[in-house]
Structures are given as structure tokens and as C-alpha cells.
Amino acid sequence: MTIGEVREILNARLHTPGADLNAQVHTACGSDMMSDVLAYVKDQAVLLTGLNNPQVVRTAEMMDMVCIVFVRGKQPQEQIVEMAAQRGMAVLSTDLPMFAACGRLYEKGLRGGEMP
């Protein structure tokens, strides 16, 4: 699946116009707790979250993620968009709740990674 397909499936708004929408993503995770992402996530490409602060970008960068999706209608702050763009990450936002967004992506074939 590509980032562009994630955008379409979630009817999401793109906040980083320079992002590579053709980048392939094979796994995703959904969490509002960045400590859980750091502790348990491995080899995920897409992070779905409702947490709207710069720590999300820092966490995604540490985990080599290429796309952040803000759920529940959250709109990322400009600082978040700038940080992500500098790191080559796509930033999307959707009005869907996290459960529905994760479910739609799962239904279309995007999976989570292995838990330790």
C-alpha cells in the first residue's frame, strides 16, 4: 500500500505537500501513548495517533516511520508539520476515530507488526 492509498482510504487531508505519496507502507500502529510506541512497536511505517505534539514526530523518527496520521479530526500544529517535512515524513489528518481508521486500513490489507 502507498501513502497515497492510505490518504484515500481514510479520506485524509495531506499537510505535507512535498511528501512522497508513492512511498510503500506495509505496517501500521495506532497509539496515543508514545512510550508504548517506543517500547512495543517494531518495523511500523504508519503511526495513527490523536496526540498532537512534537513528541509524535520525534517518536516516529526514532522508529523510522514515514507517515503520521492524526485521527479524531485533530489538526497538526505548524511546528509538527515543519518537523515532519524536514524528516521526509508525510502528515495526514482524518476525522475518523482511531478504531475506525485502523479498521479501514486493516480491511484493505495493511497490518501491524509483530509484538515482542
PDB file of N, CA and C in Angstrom:
ATOM      1  N   MET A   1       0.855  -1.170   0.000  1.00  0.00           N
ATOM      2  CA  MET A   1       0.000   0.000   0.000  1.00  0.00           C
ATOM      3  C   MET A   1       0.901   1.233   0.000  1.00  0.00           C
ATOM      4  N   THR A   2       0.452   2.299  -0.631  1.00  0.00           N
ATOM      5  CA  THR A   2       1.214   3.547  -0.641  1.00  0.00           C
ATOM      6  C   THR A   2       0.607   4.549   0.347  1.00  0.00           C
ATOM      7  N   ILE A   3       1.373   5.585   0.632  1.00  0.00           N
ATOM      8  CA  ILE A   3       0.850   6.653   1.488  1.00  0.00           C
ATOM      9  C   ILE A   3      -0.358   7.298   0.824  1.00  0.00           C
ATOM     10  N   GLY A   4      -0.322   7.427  -0.486  1.00  0.00           N
ATOM     11  CA  GLY A   4      -1.462   7.978  -1.219  1.00  0.00           C
ATOM     12  C   GLY A   4      -2.713   7.137  -1.040  1.00  0.00           C
ATOM     13  N   GLU A   5      -2.555   5.820  -1.020  1.00  0.00           N
ATOM     14  CA  GLU A   5      -3.701   4.938  -0.800  1.00  0.00           C
ATOM     15  C   GLU A   5      -4.218   5.060   0.627  1.00  0.00           C
ATOM     16  N   VAL A   6      -3.304   5.207   1.595  1.00  0.00           N
ATOM     17  CA  VAL A   6      -3.722   5.438   2.981  1.00  0.00           C
ATOM     18  C   VAL A   6      -4.572   6.701   3.040  1.00  0.00           C
ATOM     19  N   ARG A   7      -4.110   7.729   2.363  1.00  0.00           N
ATOM     20  CA  ARG A   7      -4.841   9.003   2.324  1.00  0.00           C
ATOM     21  C   ARG A   7      -6.256   8.812   1.771  1.00  0.00           C
ATOM     22  N   GLU A   8      -6.363   8.074   0.679  1.00  0.00           N
ATOM     23  CA  GLU A   8      -7.673   7.844   0.069  1.00  0.00           C
ATOM     24  C   GLU A   8      -8.583   7.025   0.979  1.00  0.00           C
ATOM     25  N   ILE A   9      -8.054   5.951   1.537  1.00  0.00           N
ATOM     26  CA  ILE A   9      -8.854   5.054   2.380  1.00  0.00           C
ATOM     27  C   ILE A   9      -9.422   5.795   3.585  1.00  0.00           C
ATOM     28  N   LEU A  10      -8.624   6.696   4.147  1.00  0.00           N
ATOM     29  CA  LEU A  10      -9.036   7.422   5.354  1.00  0.00           C
ATOM     30  C   LEU A  10      -9.697   8.759   5.034  1.00  0.00           C
ATOM     31  N   ASN A  11      -9.817   9.074   3.745  1.00  0.00           N
ATOM     32  CA  ASN A  11     -10.350  10.375   3.341  1.00  0.00           C
ATOM     33  C   ASN A  11      -9.626  11.479   4.122  1.00  0.00           C
ATOM     34  N   ALA A  12      -8.305  11.395   4.083  1.00  0.00           N
ATOM     35  CA  ALA A  12      -7.460  12.246   4.920  1.00  0.00           C
ATOM     36  C   ALA A  12      -6.936  13.451   4.155  1.00  0.00           C
ATOM     37  N   ARG A  13      -6.655  14.482   4.907  1.00  0.00           N
ATOM     38  CA  ARG A  13      -6.058  15.709   4.377  1.00  0.00           C
ATOM     39  C   ARG A  13      -4.539  15.577   4.476  1.00  0.00           C
ATOM     40  N   LEU A  14      -3.837  15.991   3.426  1.00  0.00           N
ATOM     41  CA  LEU A  14      -2.374  15.970   3.417  1.00  0.00           C
ATOM     42  C   LEU A  14      -1.852  17.322   3.888  1.00  0.00           C
ATOM     43  N   HIS A  15      -0.989  17.310   4.895  1.00  0.00           N
ATOM     44  CA  HIS A  15      -0.432  18.555   5.445  1.00  0.00           C
ATOM     45  C   HIS A  15       0.993  18.818   4.966  1.00  0.00           C
ATOM     46  N   THR A  16       1.607  17.837   4.335  1.00  0.00           N
ATOM     47  CA  THR A  16       2.982  17.961   3.840  1.00  0.00           C
ATOM     48  C   THR A  16       2.965  17.746   2.325  1.00  0.00           C
ATOM     49  N   PRO A  17       2.706  18.795   1.552  1.00  0.00           N
ATOM     50  CA  PRO A  17       2.541  18.639   0.113  1.00  0.00           C
ATOM     51  C   PRO A  17       3.764  18.065  -0.606  1.00  0.00           C
ATOM     52  N   GLY A  18       4.936  18.174  -0.023  1.00  0.00           N
ATOM     53  CA  GLY A  18       6.133  17.641  -0.661  1.00  0.00           C
ATOM     54  C   GLY A  18       6.378  16.171  -0.372  1.00  0.00           C
ATOM     55  N   ALA A  19       5.505  15.540   0.389  1.00  0.00           N
ATOM     56  CA  ALA A  19       5.707  14.137   0.780  1.00  0.00           C
ATOM     57  C   ALA A  19       5.562  13.206  -0.416  1.00  0.00           C
ATOM     58  N   ASP A  20       6.287  12.112  -0.378  1.00  0.00           N
ATOM     59  CA  ASP A  20       6.231  11.098  -1.432  1.00  0.00           C
ATOM     60  C   ASP A  20       5.022  10.200  -1.198  1.00  0.00           C
ATOM     61  N   LEU A  21       3.948  10.458  -1.904  1.00  0.00           N
ATOM     62  CA  LEU A  21       2.723   9.677  -1.732  1.00  0.00           C
ATOM     63  C   LEU A  21       2.826   8.295  -2.362  1.00  0.00           C
ATOM     64  N   ASN A  22       3.886   8.051  -3.112  1.00  0.00           N
ATOM     65  CA  ASN A  22       4.103   6.735  -3.702  1.00  0.00           C
ATOM     66  C   ASN A  22       4.954   5.833  -2.819  1.00  0.00           C
ATOM     67  N   ALA A  23       5.408   6.351  -1.684  1.00  0.00           N
ATOM     68  CA  ALA A  23       6.204   5.532  -0.760  1.00  0.00           C
ATOM     69  C   ALA A  23       5.360   4.359  -0.273  1.00  0.00           C
ATOM     70  N   GLN A  24       5.949   3.193  -0.271  1.00  0.00           N
ATOM     71  CA  GLN A  24       5.259   1.978   0.152  1.00  0.00           C
ATOM     72  C   GLN A  24       5.246   1.869   1.676  1.00  0.00           C
ATOM     73  N   VAL A  25       4.116   1.448   2.208  1.00  0.00           N
ATOM     74  CA  VAL A  25       3.986   1.154   3.635  1.00  0.00           C
ATOM     75  C   VAL A  25       3.364  -0.233   3.767  1.00  0.00           C
ATOM     76  N   HIS A  26       3.884  -1.005   4.698  1.00  0.00           N
ATOM     77  CA  HIS A  26       3.408  -2.379   4.854  1.00  0.00           C
ATOM     78  C   HIS A  26       2.796  -2.654   6.219  1.00  0.00           C
ATOM     79  N   THR A  27       3.076  -1.767   7.173  1.00  0.00           N
ATOM     80  CA  THR A  27       2.582  -1.977   8.531  1.00  0.00           C
ATOM     81  C   THR A  27       2.186  -0.649   9.157  1.00  0.00           C
ATOM     82  N   ALA A  28       1.373  -0.728  10.205  1.00  0.00           N
ATOM     83  CA  ALA A  28       0.912   0.471  10.898  1.00  0.00           C
ATOM     84  C   ALA A  28       0.660   0.150  12.366  1.00  0.00           C
ATOM     85  N   CYS A  29       0.577   1.204  13.170  1.00  0.00           N
ATOM     86  CA  CYS A  29       0.170   1.045  14.557  1.00  0.00           C
ATOM     87  C   CYS A  29      -0.644   2.255  14.962  1.00  0.00           C
ATOM     88  N   GLY A  30      -1.505   2.080  15.931  1.00  0.00           N
ATOM     89  CA  GLY A  30      -2.319   3.169  16.441  1.00  0.00           C
ATOM     90  C   GLY A  30      -2.117   3.294  17.937  1.00  0.00           C
ATOM     91  N   SER A  31      -1.697   4.478  18.393  1.00  0.00           N
ATOM     92  CA  SER A  31      -1.480   4.684  19.820  1.00  0.00           C
ATOM     93  C   SER A  31      -1.415   6.170  20.130  1.00  0.00           C
ATOM     94  N   ASP A  32      -1.921   6.529  21.306  1.00  0.00           N
ATOM     95  CA  ASP A  32      -1.758   7.886  21.820  1.00  0.00           C
ATOM     96  C   ASP A  32      -0.642   7.942  22.862  1.00  0.00           C
ATOM     97  N   MET A  33      -0.079   6.800  23.169  1.00  0.00           N
ATOM     98  CA  MET A  33       0.996   6.745  24.165  1.00  0.00           C
ATOM     99  C   MET A  33       2.326   6.476  23.461  1.00  0.00           C
ATOM    100  N   MET A  34       3.142   7.505  23.344  1.00  0.00           N
ATOM    101  CA  MET A  34       4.406   7.363  22.632  1.00  0.00           C
ATOM    102  C   MET A  34       5.349   6.404  23.349  1.00  0.00           C
ATOM    103  N   SER A  35       5.206   6.268  24.664  1.00  0.00           N
ATOM    104  CA  SER A  35       6.042   5.304  25.382  1.00  0.00           C
ATOM    105  C   SER A  35       5.733   3.881  24.925  1.00  0.00           C
ATOM    106  N   ASP A  36       4.473   3.589  24.627  1.00  0.00           N
ATOM    107  CA  ASP A  36       4.119   2.270  24.101  1.00  0.00           C
ATOM    108  C   ASP A  36       4.688   2.075  22.700  1.00  0.00           C
ATOM    109  N   VAL A  37       4.637   3.116  21.901  1.00  0.00           N
ATOM    110  CA  VAL A  37       5.201   3.019  20.552  1.00  0.00           C
ATOM    111  C   VAL A  37       6.684   2.695  20.651  1.00  0.00           C
ATOM    112  N   LEU A  38       7.389   3.391  21.521  1.00  0.00           N
ATOM    113  CA  LEU A  38       8.829   3.147  21.676  1.00  0.00           C
ATOM    114  C   LEU A  38       9.119   1.756  22.238  1.00  0.00           C
ATOM    115  N   ALA A  39       8.280   1.279  23.137  1.00  0.00           N
ATOM    116  CA  ALA A  39       8.528   0.006  23.798  1.00  0.00           C
ATOM    117  C   ALA A  39       8.109  -1.206  22.977  1.00  0.00           C
ATOM    118  N   TYR A  40       7.032  -1.084  22.225  1.00  0.00           N
ATOM    119  CA  TYR A  40       6.446  -2.274  21.613  1.00  0.00           C
ATOM    120  C   TYR A  40       6.417  -2.298  20.094  1.00  0.00           C
ATOM    121  N   VAL A  41       6.562  -1.164  19.456  1.00  0.00           N
ATOM    122  CA  VAL A  41       6.407  -1.110  18.008  1.00  0.00           C
ATOM    123  C   VAL A  41       7.726  -1.454  17.332  1.00  0.00           C
ATOM    124  N   LYS A  42       7.622  -2.277  16.310  1.00  0.00           N
ATOM    125  CA  LYS A  42       8.787  -2.634  15.519  1.00  0.00           C
ATOM    126  C   LYS A  42       8.398  -2.659  14.057  1.00  0.00           C
ATOM    127  N   ASP A  43       9.203  -2.037  13.234  1.00  0.00           N
ATOM    128  CA  ASP A  43       9.010  -2.084  11.789  1.00  0.00           C
ATOM    129  C   ASP A  43       7.641  -1.594  11.334  1.00  0.00           C
ATOM    130  N   GLN A  44       7.157  -0.536  11.941  1.00  0.00           N
ATOM    131  CA  GLN A  44       5.896   0.069  11.511  1.00  0.00           C
ATOM    132  C   GLN A  44       6.225   1.252  10.613  1.00  0.00           C
ATOM    133  N   ALA A  45       5.417   1.485   9.615  1.00  0.00           N
ATOM    134  CA  ALA A  45       5.659   2.596   8.703  1.00  0.00           C
ATOM    135  C   ALA A  45       4.702   3.755   8.937  1.00  0.00           C
ATOM    136  N   VAL A  46       3.502   3.454   9.469  1.00  0.00           N
ATOM    137  CA  VAL A  46       2.477   4.470   9.665  1.00  0.00           C
ATOM    138  C   VAL A  46       2.093   4.512  11.140  1.00  0.00           C
ATOM    139  N   LEU A  47       2.052   5.712  11.700  1.00  0.00           N
ATOM    140  CA  LEU A  47       1.610   5.905  13.077  1.00  0.00           C
ATOM    141  C   LEU A  47       0.294   6.657  13.058  1.00  0.00           C
ATOM    142  N   LEU A  48      -0.745   6.052  13.624  1.00  0.00           N
ATOM    143  CA  LEU A  48      -2.038   6.719  13.784  1.00  0.00           C
ATOM    144  C   LEU A  48      -2.138   7.143  15.233  1.00  0.00           C
ATOM    145  N   THR A  49      -2.454   8.424  15.462  1.00  0.00           N
ATOM    146  CA  THR A  49      -2.492   8.934  16.823  1.00  0.00           C
ATOM    147  C   THR A  49      -3.415  10.143  16.937  1.00  0.00           C
ATOM    148  N   GLY A  50      -3.857  10.390  18.137  1.00  0.00           N
ATOM    149  CA  GLY A  50      -4.611  11.593  18.439  1.00  0.00           C
ATOM    150  C   GLY A  50      -3.782  12.564  19.255  1.00  0.00           C
ATOM    151  N   LEU A  51      -2.561  12.154  19.602  1.00  0.00           N
ATOM    152  CA  LEU A  51      -1.663  13.014  20.367  1.00  0.00           C
ATOM    153  C   LEU A  51      -1.077  14.054  19.428  1.00  0.00           C
ATOM    154  N   ASN A  52      -1.256  15.313  19.762  1.00  0.00           N
ATOM    155  CA  ASN A  52      -0.885  16.394  18.862  1.00  0.00           C
ATOM    156  C   ASN A  52       0.208  17.256  19.479  1.00  0.00           C
ATOM    157  N   ASN A  53       1.432  16.716  19.472  1.00  0.00           N
ATOM    158  CA  ASN A  53       2.571  17.496  19.945  1.00  0.00           C
ATOM    159  C   ASN A  53       3.846  17.030  19.246  1.00  0.00           C
ATOM    160  N   PRO A  54       4.924  17.805  19.339  1.00  0.00           N
ATOM    161  CA  PRO A  54       6.156  17.466  18.616  1.00  0.00           C
ATOM    162  C   PRO A  54       6.757  16.101  18.991  1.00  0.00           C
ATOM    163  N   GLN A  55       6.426  15.583  20.151  1.00  0.00           N
ATOM    164  CA  GLN A  55       6.958  14.285  20.556  1.00  0.00           C
ATOM    165  C   GLN A  55       6.538  13.188  19.577  1.00  0.00           C
ATOM    166  N   VAL A  56       5.402  13.349  18.936  1.00  0.00           N
ATOM    167  CA  VAL A  56       4.931  12.367  17.955  1.00  0.00           C
ATOM    168  C   VAL A  56       5.935  12.253  16.805  1.00  0.00           C
ATOM    169  N   VAL A  57       6.413  13.387  16.311  1.00  0.00           N
ATOM    170  CA  VAL A  57       7.379  13.378  15.211  1.00  0.00           C
ATOM    171  C   VAL A  57       8.694  12.775  15.679  1.00  0.00           C
ATOM    172  N   ARG A  58       9.134  13.145  16.855  1.00  0.00           N
ATOM    173  CA  ARG A  58      10.398  12.597  17.378  1.00  0.00           C
ATOM    174  C   ARG A  58      10.315  11.080  17.528  1.00  0.00           C
ATOM    175  N   THR A  59       9.187  10.608  18.027  1.00  0.00           N
ATOM    176  CA  THR A  59       8.994   9.163  18.189  1.00  0.00           C
ATOM    177  C   THR A  59       8.961   8.477  16.834  1.00  0.00           C
ATOM    178  N   ALA A  60       8.206   9.027  15.903  1.00  0.00           N
ATOM    179  CA  ALA A  60       8.120   8.439  14.566  1.00  0.00           C
ATOM    180  C   ALA A  60       9.496   8.396  13.902  1.00  0.00           C
ATOM    181  N   GLU A  61      10.276   9.429  14.099  1.00  0.00           N
ATOM    182  CA  GLU A  61      11.621   9.456  13.519  1.00  0.00           C
ATOM    183  C   GLU A  61      12.497   8.361  14.129  1.00  0.00           C
ATOM    184  N   MET A  62      12.448   8.202  15.421  1.00  0.00           N
ATOM    185  CA  MET A  62      13.250   7.169  16.093  1.00  0.00           C
ATOM    186  C   MET A  62      12.872   5.775  15.618  1.00  0.00           C
ATOM    187  N   MET A  63      11.608   5.607  15.237  1.00  0.00           N
ATOM    188  CA  MET A  63      11.124   4.296  14.812  1.00  0.00           C
ATOM    189  C   MET A  63      11.130   4.137  13.287  1.00  0.00           C
ATOM    190  N   ASP A  64      11.754   5.086  12.587  1.00  0.00           N
ATOM    191  CA  ASP A  64      11.863   5.050  11.122  1.00  0.00           C
ATOM    192  C   ASP A  64      10.515   4.997  10.412  1.00  0.00           C
ATOM    193  N   MET A  65       9.529   5.675  10.946  1.00  0.00           N
ATOM    194  CA  MET A  65       8.209   5.733  10.319  1.00  0.00           C
ATOM    195  C   MET A  65       8.212   6.788   9.220  1.00  0.00           C
ATOM    196  N   VAL A  66       7.356   6.592   8.221  1.00  0.00           N
ATOM    197  CA  VAL A  66       7.327   7.517   7.090  1.00  0.00           C
ATOM    198  C   VAL A  66       6.034   8.315   7.000  1.00  0.00           C
ATOM    199  N   CYS A  67       5.062   7.998   7.861  1.00  0.00           N
ATOM    200  CA  CYS A  67       3.762   8.669   7.777  1.00  0.00           C
ATOM    201  C   CYS A  67       3.112   8.732   9.156  1.00  0.00           C
ATOM    202  N   ILE A  68       2.603   9.917   9.485  1.00  0.00           N
ATOM    203  CA  ILE A  68       1.844  10.118  10.721  1.00  0.00           C
ATOM    204  C   ILE A  68       0.429  10.513  10.319  1.00  0.00           C
ATOM    205  N   VAL A  69      -0.554   9.835  10.908  1.00  0.00           N
ATOM    206  CA  VAL A  69      -1.958  10.163  10.644  1.00  0.00           C
ATOM    207  C   VAL A  69      -2.593  10.601  11.957  1.00  0.00           C
ATOM    208  N   PHE A  70      -3.062  11.841  11.994  1.00  0.00           N
ATOM    209  CA  PHE A  70      -3.781  12.333  13.163  1.00  0.00           C
ATOM    210  C   PHE A  70      -5.253  11.977  12.999  1.00  0.00           C
ATOM    211  N   VAL A  71      -5.816  11.334  14.003  1.00  0.00           N
ATOM    212  CA  VAL A  71      -7.205  10.862  13.960  1.00  0.00           C
ATOM    213  C   VAL A  71      -8.113  11.795  14.764  1.00  0.00           C
ATOM    214  N   ARG A  72      -9.398  11.497  14.751  1.00  0.00           N
ATOM    215  CA  ARG A  72     -10.409  12.228  15.518  1.00  0.00           C
ATOM    216  C   ARG A  72     -10.463  13.716  15.169  1.00  0.00           C
ATOM    217  N   GLY A  73     -10.146  14.041  13.912  1.00  0.00           N
ATOM    218  CA  GLY A  73     -10.238  15.437  13.484  1.00  0.00           C
ATOM    219  C   GLY A  73      -9.137  16.333  13.999  1.00  0.00           C
ATOM    220  N   LYS A  74      -8.130  15.770  14.616  1.00  0.00           N
ATOM    221  CA  LYS A  74      -7.024  16.592  15.123  1.00  0.00           C
ATOM    222  C   LYS A  74      -6.251  17.173  13.948  1.00  0.00           C
ATOM    223  N   GLN A  75      -5.930  18.441  14.038  1.00  0.00           N
ATOM    224  CA  GLN A  75      -5.147  19.129  13.023  1.00  0.00           C
ATOM    225  C   GLN A  75      -3.771  19.415  13.603  1.00  0.00           C
ATOM    226  N   PRO A  76      -2.714  18.968  12.938  1.00  0.00           N
ATOM    227  CA  PRO A  76      -1.369  19.153  13.489  1.00  0.00           C
ATOM    228  C   PRO A  76      -0.958  20.618  13.535  1.00  0.00           C
ATOM    229  N   GLN A  77      -0.229  20.951  14.571  1.00  0.00           N
ATOM    230  CA  GLN A  77       0.322  22.290  14.700  1.00  0.00           C
ATOM    231  C   GLN A  77       1.363  22.500  13.602  1.00  0.00           C
ATOM    232  N   GLU A  78       1.582  23.736  13.212  1.00  0.00           N
ATOM    233  CA  GLU A  78       2.541  24.050  12.151  1.00  0.00           C
ATOM    234  C   GLU A  78       3.936  23.520  12.482  1.00  0.00           C
ATOM    235  N   GLN A  79       4.322  23.598  13.743  1.00  0.00           N
ATOM    236  CA  GLN A  79       5.632  23.092  14.156  1.00  0.00           C
ATOM    237  C   GLN A  79       5.757  21.594  13.849  1.00  0.00           C
ATOM    238  N   ILE A  80       4.701  20.857  14.064  1.00  0.00           N
ATOM    239  CA  ILE A  80       4.704  19.418  13.795  1.00  0.00           C
ATOM    240  C   ILE A  80       4.867  19.174  12.297  1.00  0.00           C
ATOM    241  N   VAL A  81       4.126  19.898  11.487  1.00  0.00           N
ATOM    242  CA  VAL A  81       4.198  19.738  10.035  1.00  0.00           C
ATOM    243  C   VAL A  81       5.604  20.056   9.543  1.00  0.00           C
ATOM    244  N   GLU A  82       6.193  21.146  10.032  1.00  0.00           N
ATOM    245  CA  GLU A  82       7.545  21.532   9.625  1.00  0.00           C
ATOM    246  C   GLU A  82       8.565  20.482  10.031  1.00  0.00           C
ATOM    247  N   MET A  83       8.474  19.994  11.253  1.00  0.00           N
ATOM    248  CA  MET A  83       9.413  18.962  11.727  1.00  0.00           C
ATOM    249  C   MET A  83       9.316  17.706  10.870  1.00  0.00           C
ATOM    250  N   ALA A  84       8.100  17.276  10.590  1.00  0.00           N
ATOM    251  CA  ALA A  84       7.899  16.063   9.799  1.00  0.00           C
ATOM    252  C   ALA A  84       8.408  16.259   8.370  1.00  0.00           C
ATOM    253  N   ALA A  85       8.123  17.394   7.771  1.00  0.00           N
ATOM    254  CA  ALA A  85       8.565  17.663   6.399  1.00  0.00           C
ATOM    255  C   ALA A  85      10.086  17.649   6.308  1.00  0.00           C
ATOM    256  N   GLN A  86      10.751  18.209   7.308  1.00  0.00           N
ATOM    257  CA  GLN A  86      12.214  18.210   7.328  1.00  0.00           C
ATOM    258  C   GLN A  86      12.779  16.797   7.406  1.00  0.00           C
ATOM    259  N   ARG A  87      12.014  15.875   7.928  1.00  0.00           N
ATOM    260  CA  ARG A  87      12.457  14.493   8.097  1.00  0.00           C
ATOM    261  C   ARG A  87      11.913  13.572   7.002  1.00  0.00           C
ATOM    262  N   GLY A  88      11.227  14.159   6.030  1.00  0.00           N
ATOM    263  CA  GLY A  88      10.712  13.378   4.913  1.00  0.00           C
ATOM    264  C   GLY A  88       9.487  12.542   5.234  1.00  0.00           C
ATOM    265  N   MET A  89       8.762  12.915   6.284  1.00  0.00           N
ATOM    266  CA  MET A  89       7.557  12.179   6.677  1.00  0.00           C
ATOM    267  C   MET A  89       6.314  12.855   6.119  1.00  0.00           C
ATOM    268  N   ALA A  90       5.334  12.042   5.768  1.00  0.00           N
ATOM    269  CA  ALA A  90       4.025  12.564   5.375  1.00  0.00           C
ATOM    270  C   ALA A  90       3.193  12.764   6.635  1.00  0.00           C
ATOM    271  N   VAL A  91       2.410  13.826   6.662  1.00  0.00           N
ATOM    272  CA  VAL A  91       1.486  14.075   7.763  1.00  0.00           C
ATOM    273  C   VAL A  91       0.074  14.183   7.184  1.00  0.00           C
ATOM    274  N   LEU A  92      -0.812  13.338   7.693  1.00  0.00           N
ATOM    275  CA  LEU A  92      -2.205  13.315   7.276  1.00  0.00           C
ATOM    276  C   LEU A  92      -3.093  13.549   8.484  1.00  0.00           C
ATOM    277  N   SER A  93      -4.332  13.953   8.243  1.00  0.00           N
ATOM    278  CA  SER A  93      -5.317  14.014   9.319  1.00  0.00           C
ATOM    279  C   SER A  93      -6.648  13.516   8.777  1.00  0.00           C
ATOM    280  N   THR A  94      -7.383  12.827   9.644  1.00  0.00           N
ATOM    281  CA  THR A  94      -8.686  12.283   9.275  1.00  0.00           C
ATOM    282  C   THR A  94      -9.679  12.557  10.397  1.00  0.00           C
ATOM    283  N   ASP A  95     -10.935  12.659  10.038  1.00  0.00           N
ATOM    284  CA  ASP A  95     -11.982  12.843  11.040  1.00  0.00           C
ATOM    285  C   ASP A  95     -12.362  11.527  11.709  1.00  0.00           C
ATOM    286  N   LEU A  96     -11.906  10.414  11.165  1.00  0.00           N
ATOM    287  CA  LEU A  96     -12.256   9.108  11.726  1.00  0.00           C
ATOM    288  C   LEU A  96     -11.660   8.912  13.118  1.00  0.00           C
ATOM    289  N   PRO A  97     -12.368   8.196  13.987  1.00  0.00           N
ATOM    290  CA  PRO A  97     -11.756   7.812  15.256  1.00  0.00           C
ATOM    291  C   PRO A  97     -10.665   6.778  14.989  1.00  0.00           C
ATOM    292  N   MET A  98      -9.772   6.584  15.933  1.00  0.00           N
ATOM    293  CA  MET A  98      -8.644   5.686  15.729  1.00  0.00           C
ATOM    294  C   MET A  98      -9.086   4.266  15.383  1.00  0.00           C
ATOM    295  N   PHE A  99     -10.073   3.752  16.101  1.00  0.00           N
ATOM    296  CA  PHE A  99     -10.528   2.387  15.866  1.00  0.00           C
ATOM    297  C   PHE A  99     -10.995   2.205  14.430  1.00  0.00           C
ATOM    298  N   ALA A 100     -11.792   3.134  13.940  1.00  0.00           N
ATOM    299  CA  ALA A 100     -12.304   3.044  12.572  1.00  0.00           C
ATOM    300  C   ALA A 100     -11.181   3.202  11.549  1.00  0.00           C
ATOM    301  N   ALA A 101     -10.270   4.130  11.794  1.00  0.00           N
ATOM    302  CA  ALA A 101      -9.159   4.340  10.854  1.00  0.00           C
ATOM    303  C   ALA A 101      -8.286   3.087  10.769  1.00  0.00           C
ATOM    304  N   CYS A 102      -7.943   2.523  11.909  1.00  0.00           N
ATOM    305  CA  CYS A 102      -7.142   1.302  11.912  1.00  0.00           C
ATOM    306  C   CYS A 102      -7.898   0.165  11.228  1.00  0.00           C
ATOM    307  N   GLY A 103      -9.186   0.064  11.500  1.00  0.00           N
ATOM    308  CA  GLY A 103     -10.008  -0.979  10.902  1.00  0.00           C
ATOM    309  C   GLY A 103     -10.071  -0.871   9.392  1.00  0.00           C
ATOM    310  N   ARG A 104     -10.224   0.334   8.877  1.00  0.00           N
ATOM    311  CA  ARG A 104     -10.273   0.519   7.419  1.00  0.00           C
ATOM    312  C   ARG A 104      -8.955   0.119   6.768  1.00  0.00           C
ATOM    313  N   LEU A 105      -7.855   0.506   7.388  1.00  0.00           N
ATOM    314  CA  LEU A 105      -6.552   0.146   6.823  1.00  0.00           C
ATOM    315  C   LEU A 105      -6.329  -1.361   6.888  1.00  0.00           C
ATOM    316  N   TYR A 106      -6.732  -1.970   7.990  1.00  0.00           N
ATOM    317  CA  TYR A 106      -6.598  -3.422   8.135  1.00  0.00           C
ATOM    318  C   TYR A 106      -7.436  -4.140   7.082  1.00  0.00           C
ATOM    319  N   GLU A 107      -8.650  -3.660   6.897  1.00  0.00           N
ATOM    320  CA  GLU A 107      -9.550  -4.245   5.910  1.00  0.00           C
ATOM    321  C   GLU A 107      -8.964  -4.216   4.505  1.00  0.00           C
ATOM    322  N   LYS A 108      -8.158  -3.189   4.216  1.00  0.00           N
ATOM    323  CA  LYS A 108      -7.551  -3.043   2.889  1.00  0.00           C
ATOM    324  C   LYS A 108      -6.184  -3.721   2.803  1.00  0.00           C
ATOM    325  N   GLY A 109      -5.773  -4.414   3.874  1.00  0.00           N
ATOM    326  CA  GLY A 109      -4.550  -5.206   3.801  1.00  0.00           C
ATOM    327  C   GLY A 109      -3.365  -4.715   4.581  1.00  0.00           C
ATOM    328  N   LEU A 110      -3.445  -3.537   5.194  1.00  0.00           N
ATOM    329  CA  LEU A 110      -2.325  -3.037   5.990  1.00  0.00           C
ATOM    330  C   LEU A 110      -2.359  -3.721   7.348  1.00  0.00           C
ATOM    331  N   ARG A 111      -1.236  -4.226   7.787  1.00  0.00           N
ATOM    332  CA  ARG A 111      -1.170  -4.994   9.032  1.00  0.00           C
ATOM    333  C   ARG A 111      -0.275  -4.310  10.052  1.00  0.00           C
ATOM    334  N   GLY A 112      -0.387  -4.785  11.293  1.00  0.00           N
ATOM    335  CA  GLY A 112       0.507  -4.359  12.353  1.00  0.00           C
ATOM    336  C   GLY A 112       1.705  -5.292  12.356  1.00  0.00           C
ATOM    337  N   GLY A 113       2.738  -4.869  13.027  1.00  0.00           N
ATOM    338  CA  GLY A 113       3.937  -5.704  13.109  1.00  0.00           C
ATOM    339  C   GLY A 113       3.816  -6.716  14.233  1.00  0.00           C
ATOM    340  N   GLU A 114       4.849  -7.482  14.383  1.00  0.00           N
ATOM    341  CA  GLU A 114       4.897  -8.491  15.439  1.00  0.00           C
ATOM    342  C   GLU A 114       5.114  -7.822  16.785  1.00  0.00           C
ATOM    343  N   MET A 115       4.430  -8.305  17.780  1.00  0.00           N
ATOM    344  CA  MET A 115       4.659  -7.835  19.144  1.00  0.00           C
ATOM    345  C   MET A 115       5.811  -8.652  19.722  1.00  0.00           C
ATOM    346  N   PRO A 116       6.644  -8.038  20.559  1.00  0.00           N
ATOM    347  CA  PRO A 116       7.782  -8.774  21.137  1.00  0.00           C
ATOM    348  C   PRO A 116       7.318  -9.895  22.062  1.00  0.00           C
TER     349      PRO A 116
END
